[in-house]
Amino acid sequence: FIKRARDAVSLILEELLQFDFRNGPLRRKYDSTKYSLKTLETVLYELSVAGAVGGHESLVIAENLDDGGPLKRMKINEEGDSKPVADDIIMQEGGGMSLAIPKKEIGEIRERTDHRDKLRESLIKTCRDGQKAAKQAIFALHRGDAARAAKLLNDVENCVTNDLLPILKEEPNMRHD
């Protein structure tokens, strides 16, 4: 059981390594997965030293499994049958229990998070540019340069309507109240 858990966590961690997690709740979850893998490996080592775990059982990893045992998580494809898809990694041990790691879905999630990160970076840079122009408009007003201040404020308005609002329409949860 512990070997299967370690192998499953290891496969999940391999997929998560492809993400670009920044500091935040997802990064902490990723780190906890790494620590869980280390804990499972430590338990396996301690059991092998104590003689409780004998030999290495072979684990079959296949891209497509036609006649395997029941899957814990089955994916229904477009035809309606419940065979594993070729993009999934399937682990099967002699006991008949199997586990499918949905590589395709994880890849799609990674693409969405990468796109969201790019939007976020663009939003932050554009906000800084707008704030800088607004600050320069205030300074221009203090110096009595109303024409330059009006131009800068017009640039700020264009920045908000043309650059920031489209990003917020695509990802409304990036807006902080």
C-alpha atoms as a PDB file:
ATOM      1  CA  PHE A   1       0.000   0.000   0.000  1.00  0.00           C
ATOM      2  CA  ILE A   2       2.760   2.443   0.906  1.00  0.00           C
ATOM      3  CA  LYS A   3       4.657   1.688  -2.318  1.00  0.00           C
ATOM      4  CA  ARG A   4       1.526   2.386  -4.365  1.00  0.00           C
ATOM      5  CA  ALA A   5       0.936   5.643  -2.506  1.00  0.00           C
ATOM      6  CA  ARG A   6       4.565   6.676  -3.033  1.00  0.00           C
ATOM      7  CA  ASP A   7       4.395   5.833  -6.747  1.00  0.00           C
ATOM      8  CA  ALA A   8       1.118   7.726  -7.173  1.00  0.00           C
ATOM      9  CA  VAL A   9       2.433  10.796  -5.355  1.00  0.00           C
ATOM     10  CA  SER A  10       5.633  10.586  -7.404  1.00  0.00           C
ATOM     11  CA  LEU A  11       3.703  10.578 -10.695  1.00  0.00           C
ATOM     12  CA  ILE A  12       1.517  13.476  -9.563  1.00  0.00           C
ATOM     13  CA  LEU A  13       4.598  15.408  -8.476  1.00  0.00           C
ATOM     14  CA  GLU A  14       6.231  14.820 -11.879  1.00  0.00           C
ATOM     15  CA  GLU A  15       3.226  16.461 -13.529  1.00  0.00           C
ATOM     16  CA  LEU A  16       3.174  19.339 -11.026  1.00  0.00           C
ATOM     17  CA  LEU A  17       6.867  20.040 -11.659  1.00  0.00           C
ATOM     18  CA  GLN A  18       5.889  21.441 -15.050  1.00  0.00           C
ATOM     19  CA  PHE A  19       3.871  24.253 -13.415  1.00  0.00           C
ATOM     20  CA  ASP A  20       5.354  27.643 -12.590  1.00  0.00           C
ATOM     21  CA  PHE A  21       3.984  28.134  -9.084  1.00  0.00           C
ATOM     22  CA  ARG A  22       4.591  31.459  -7.427  1.00  0.00           C
ATOM     23  CA  ASN A  23       4.406  32.053  -3.708  1.00  0.00           C
ATOM     24  CA  GLY A  24       0.851  31.493  -2.627  1.00  0.00           C
ATOM     25  CA  PRO A  25      -1.574  28.760  -1.631  1.00  0.00           C
ATOM     26  CA  LEU A  26      -0.877  26.592  -4.695  1.00  0.00           C
ATOM     27  CA  ARG A  27       2.860  26.722  -4.021  1.00  0.00           C
ATOM     28  CA  ARG A  28       2.279  25.641  -0.420  1.00  0.00           C
ATOM     29  CA  LYS A  29       0.120  22.712  -1.608  1.00  0.00           C
ATOM     30  CA  TYR A  30       2.847  21.738  -4.071  1.00  0.00           C
ATOM     31  CA  ASP A  31       5.444  21.881  -1.294  1.00  0.00           C
ATOM     32  CA  SER A  32       3.249  19.746   0.960  1.00  0.00           C
ATOM     33  CA  THR A  33       3.074  17.159  -1.850  1.00  0.00           C
ATOM     34  CA  LYS A  34       6.886  17.125  -1.987  1.00  0.00           C
ATOM     35  CA  TYR A  35       7.057  16.617   1.772  1.00  0.00           C
ATOM     36  CA  SER A  36       4.461  13.852   1.594  1.00  0.00           C
ATOM     37  CA  LEU A  37       6.592  12.046  -0.990  1.00  0.00           C
ATOM     38  CA  LYS A  38       9.647  12.405   1.258  1.00  0.00           C
ATOM     39  CA  THR A  39       7.659  11.034   4.202  1.00  0.00           C
ATOM     40  CA  LEU A  40       6.466   8.042   2.180  1.00  0.00           C
ATOM     41  CA  GLU A  41      10.018   7.329   1.044  1.00  0.00           C
ATOM     42  CA  THR A  42      11.241   7.565   4.645  1.00  0.00           C
ATOM     43  CA  VAL A  43       8.541   5.134   5.821  1.00  0.00           C
ATOM     44  CA  LEU A  44       9.450   2.697   3.041  1.00  0.00           C
ATOM     45  CA  TYR A  45      13.118   2.922   3.969  1.00  0.00           C
ATOM     46  CA  GLU A  46      12.408   2.345   7.651  1.00  0.00           C
ATOM     47  CA  LEU A  47      10.195  -0.633   6.830  1.00  0.00           C
ATOM     48  CA  SER A  48      12.884  -2.118   4.583  1.00  0.00           C
ATOM     49  CA  VAL A  49      15.521  -1.667   7.293  1.00  0.00           C
ATOM     50  CA  ALA A  50      13.213  -3.363   9.807  1.00  0.00           C
ATOM     51  CA  GLY A  51      12.661  -6.204   7.349  1.00  0.00           C
ATOM     52  CA  ALA A  52       8.920  -5.563   7.078  1.00  0.00           C
ATOM     53  CA  VAL A  53       9.090  -4.902   3.336  1.00  0.00           C
ATOM     54  CA  GLY A  54      10.617  -7.620   1.204  1.00  0.00           C
ATOM     55  CA  GLY A  55      11.885  -7.294  -2.347  1.00  0.00           C
ATOM     56  CA  HIS A  56      10.663  -4.882  -4.945  1.00  0.00           C
ATOM     57  CA  GLU A  57       7.308  -5.696  -6.465  1.00  0.00           C
ATOM     58  CA  SER A  58       7.157  -4.804 -10.093  1.00  0.00           C
ATOM     59  CA  LEU A  59       4.851  -1.988 -11.042  1.00  0.00           C
ATOM     60  CA  VAL A  60       3.459  -1.856 -14.538  1.00  0.00           C
ATOM     61  CA  ILE A  61       3.277   1.606 -16.065  1.00  0.00           C
ATOM     62  CA  ALA A  62       1.572   1.729 -19.424  1.00  0.00           C
ATOM     63  CA  GLU A  63       0.319   4.390 -21.779  1.00  0.00           C
ATOM     64  CA  ASN A  64      -2.780   2.361 -22.664  1.00  0.00           C
ATOM     65  CA  LEU A  65      -4.126  -0.662 -20.795  1.00  0.00           C
ATOM     66  CA  ASP A  66      -6.759  -2.765 -22.531  1.00  0.00           C
ATOM     67  CA  ASP A  67      -7.618  -5.559 -20.110  1.00  0.00           C
ATOM     68  CA  GLY A  68      -6.575  -4.150 -16.735  1.00  0.00           C
ATOM     69  CA  GLY A  69      -8.469  -4.267 -13.483  1.00  0.00           C
ATOM     70  CA  PRO A  70     -11.001  -1.662 -12.419  1.00  0.00           C
ATOM     71  CA  LEU A  71      -9.681   1.881 -12.239  1.00  0.00           C
ATOM     72  CA  LYS A  72     -10.187   4.073  -9.227  1.00  0.00           C
ATOM     73  CA  ARG A  73     -10.787   6.975 -11.559  1.00  0.00           C
ATOM     74  CA  MET A  74     -12.090   6.195 -15.006  1.00  0.00           C
ATOM     75  CA  LYS A  75     -12.360   8.698 -17.825  1.00  0.00           C
ATOM     76  CA  ILE A  76     -15.290   8.434 -20.178  1.00  0.00           C
ATOM     77  CA  ASN A  77     -14.188   9.341 -23.679  1.00  0.00           C
ATOM     78  CA  GLU A  78     -16.335  10.681 -26.520  1.00  0.00           C
ATOM     79  CA  GLU A  79     -17.536   7.212 -27.567  1.00  0.00           C
ATOM     80  CA  GLY A  80     -19.015   6.660 -24.108  1.00  0.00           C
ATOM     81  CA  ASP A  81     -16.827   3.722 -23.136  1.00  0.00           C
ATOM     82  CA  SER A  82     -14.774   3.815 -19.986  1.00  0.00           C
ATOM     83  CA  LYS A  83     -11.400   2.675 -21.294  1.00  0.00           C
ATOM     84  CA  PRO A  84      -8.455   4.772 -20.196  1.00  0.00           C
ATOM     85  CA  VAL A  85      -7.329   7.295 -22.753  1.00  0.00           C
ATOM     86  CA  ALA A  86      -3.802   7.149 -24.156  1.00  0.00           C
ATOM     87  CA  ASP A  87      -2.842  10.441 -22.468  1.00  0.00           C
ATOM     88  CA  ASP A  88      -3.343   8.969 -18.998  1.00  0.00           C
ATOM     89  CA  ILE A  89      -0.607   7.151 -17.139  1.00  0.00           C
ATOM     90  CA  ILE A  90      -2.013   3.987 -15.644  1.00  0.00           C
ATOM     91  CA  MET A  91      -0.407   2.195 -12.748  1.00  0.00           C
ATOM     92  CA  GLN A  92      -1.481  -1.334 -11.993  1.00  0.00           C
ATOM     93  CA  GLU A  93      -0.171  -3.651  -9.346  1.00  0.00           C
ATOM     94  CA  GLY A  94      -0.866  -7.341  -8.913  1.00  0.00           C
ATOM     95  CA  GLY A  95      -3.788  -6.736  -6.527  1.00  0.00           C
ATOM     96  CA  GLY A  96      -6.052  -5.479  -9.308  1.00  0.00           C
ATOM     97  CA  MET A  97      -6.267  -1.916  -7.975  1.00  0.00           C
ATOM     98  CA  SER A  98      -5.208   0.780 -10.450  1.00  0.00           C
ATOM     99  CA  LEU A  99      -4.782   4.513 -10.521  1.00  0.00           C
ATOM    100  CA  ALA A 100      -5.005   6.805 -13.547  1.00  0.00           C
ATOM    101  CA  ILE A 101      -3.121  10.096 -13.557  1.00  0.00           C
ATOM    102  CA  PRO A 102      -4.945  12.403 -16.013  1.00  0.00           C
ATOM    103  CA  LYS A 103      -1.983  13.918 -17.874  1.00  0.00           C
ATOM    104  CA  LYS A 104      -4.170  15.606 -20.479  1.00  0.00           C
ATOM    105  CA  GLU A 105      -6.300  17.429 -17.895  1.00  0.00           C
ATOM    106  CA  ILE A 106      -3.227  18.423 -15.893  1.00  0.00           C
ATOM    107  CA  GLY A 107      -1.683  19.803 -19.089  1.00  0.00           C
ATOM    108  CA  GLU A 108      -4.839  21.808 -19.792  1.00  0.00           C
ATOM    109  CA  ILE A 109      -4.789  23.193 -16.254  1.00  0.00           C
ATOM    110  CA  ARG A 110      -1.121  24.127 -16.676  1.00  0.00           C
ATOM    111  CA  GLU A 111      -1.919  25.977 -19.924  1.00  0.00           C
ATOM    112  CA  ARG A 112      -4.762  27.879 -18.231  1.00  0.00           C
ATOM    113  CA  THR A 113      -2.585  28.858 -15.266  1.00  0.00           C
ATOM    114  CA  ASP A 114       0.252  29.953 -17.571  1.00  0.00           C
ATOM    115  CA  HIS A 115      -2.202  32.103 -19.566  1.00  0.00           C
ATOM    116  CA  ARG A 116      -3.616  33.566 -16.354  1.00  0.00           C
ATOM    117  CA  ASP A 117      -0.101  34.330 -15.090  1.00  0.00           C
ATOM    118  CA  LYS A 118       0.713  36.159 -18.336  1.00  0.00           C
ATOM    119  CA  LEU A 119      -2.495  38.184 -18.029  1.00  0.00           C
ATOM    120  CA  ARG A 120      -1.663  38.971 -14.408  1.00  0.00           C
ATOM    121  CA  GLU A 121       1.850  40.158 -15.292  1.00  0.00           C
ATOM    122  CA  SER A 122       0.434  42.312 -18.090  1.00  0.00           C
ATOM    123  CA  LEU A 123      -2.194  43.738 -15.730  1.00  0.00           C
ATOM    124  CA  ILE A 124       0.416  44.622 -13.104  1.00  0.00           C
ATOM    125  CA  LYS A 125       2.726  46.304 -15.634  1.00  0.00           C
ATOM    126  CA  THR A 126      -0.143  48.227 -17.222  1.00  0.00           C
ATOM    127  CA  CYS A 127      -1.390  49.380 -13.792  1.00  0.00           C
ATOM    128  CA  ARG A 128       2.090  50.657 -12.949  1.00  0.00           C
ATOM    129  CA  ASP A 129       2.252  52.548 -16.237  1.00  0.00           C
ATOM    130  CA  GLY A 130      -1.164  54.119 -15.572  1.00  0.00           C
ATOM    131  CA  GLN A 131      -0.206  55.082 -12.014  1.00  0.00           C
ATOM    132  CA  LYS A 132       3.027  56.630 -13.233  1.00  0.00           C
ATOM    133  CA  ALA A 133       1.168  58.712 -15.822  1.00  0.00           C
ATOM    134  CA  ALA A 134      -1.384  59.814 -13.198  1.00  0.00           C
ATOM    135  CA  LYS A 135       1.423  60.830 -10.813  1.00  0.00           C
ATOM    136  CA  GLN A 136       3.123  62.790 -13.596  1.00  0.00           C
ATOM    137  CA  ALA A 137      -0.204  64.523 -14.351  1.00  0.00           C
ATOM    138  CA  ILE A 138      -0.451  65.644 -10.718  1.00  0.00           C
ATOM    139  CA  PHE A 139       3.112  66.956 -10.817  1.00  0.00           C
ATOM    140  CA  ALA A 140       2.347  68.750 -14.085  1.00  0.00           C
ATOM    141  CA  LEU A 141      -0.661  70.432 -12.454  1.00  0.00           C
ATOM    142  CA  HIS A 142       1.507  71.504  -9.506  1.00  0.00           C
ATOM    143  CA  ARG A 143       3.925  73.062 -11.987  1.00  0.00           C
ATOM    144  CA  GLY A 144       1.031  74.814 -13.760  1.00  0.00           C
ATOM    145  CA  ASP A 145       1.335  72.774 -16.977  1.00  0.00           C
ATOM    146  CA  ALA A 146      -2.380  72.057 -17.540  1.00  0.00           C
ATOM    147  CA  ALA A 147      -1.928  70.986 -21.174  1.00  0.00           C
ATOM    148  CA  ARG A 148       0.595  68.261 -20.255  1.00  0.00           C
ATOM    149  CA  ALA A 149      -1.592  67.168 -17.321  1.00  0.00           C
ATOM    150  CA  ALA A 150      -4.625  66.839 -19.632  1.00  0.00           C
ATOM    151  CA  LYS A 151      -2.590  64.758 -22.104  1.00  0.00           C
ATOM    152  CA  LEU A 152      -1.305  62.484 -19.323  1.00  0.00           C
ATOM    153  CA  LEU A 153      -4.797  62.031 -17.878  1.00  0.00           C
ATOM    154  CA  ASN A 154      -6.057  61.178 -21.355  1.00  0.00           C
ATOM    155  CA  ASP A 155      -3.261  58.554 -21.569  1.00  0.00           C
ATOM    156  CA  VAL A 156      -4.392  57.146 -18.201  1.00  0.00           C
ATOM    157  CA  GLU A 157      -7.991  56.923 -19.396  1.00  0.00           C
ATOM    158  CA  ASN A 158      -6.911  55.152 -22.597  1.00  0.00           C
ATOM    159  CA  CYS A 159      -4.754  52.787 -20.574  1.00  0.00           C
ATOM    160  CA  VAL A 160      -7.702  51.830 -18.377  1.00  0.00           C
ATOM    161  CA  THR A 161     -10.268  51.448 -21.155  1.00  0.00           C
ATOM    162  CA  ASN A 162      -8.048  49.852 -23.818  1.00  0.00           C
ATOM    163  CA  ASP A 163      -5.615  47.775 -21.760  1.00  0.00           C
ATOM    164  CA  LEU A 164      -6.925  47.075 -18.261  1.00  0.00           C
ATOM    165  CA  LEU A 165     -10.649  46.550 -18.791  1.00  0.00           C
ATOM    166  CA  PRO A 166     -10.225  43.834 -21.467  1.00  0.00           C
ATOM    167  CA  ILE A 167      -7.980  41.864 -19.110  1.00  0.00           C
ATOM    168  CA  LEU A 168     -10.508  42.243 -16.293  1.00  0.00           C
ATOM    169  CA  LYS A 169     -13.330  41.132 -18.572  1.00  0.00           C
ATOM    170  CA  GLU A 170     -11.383  37.975 -19.387  1.00  0.00           C
ATOM    171  CA  GLU A 171     -10.338  37.348 -15.766  1.00  0.00           C
ATOM    172  CA  PRO A 172     -12.726  39.253 -13.458  1.00  0.00           C
ATOM    173  CA  ASN A 173     -11.317  37.670 -10.299  1.00  0.00           C
ATOM    174  CA  MET A 174      -8.076  39.661 -10.806  1.00  0.00           C
ATOM    175  CA  ARG A 175      -9.920  42.778  -9.678  1.00  0.00           C
ATOM    176  CA  HIS A 176      -9.464  43.646  -6.003  1.00  0.00           C
ATOM    177  CA  ASP A 177     -12.061  45.833  -4.363  1.00  0.00           C
END
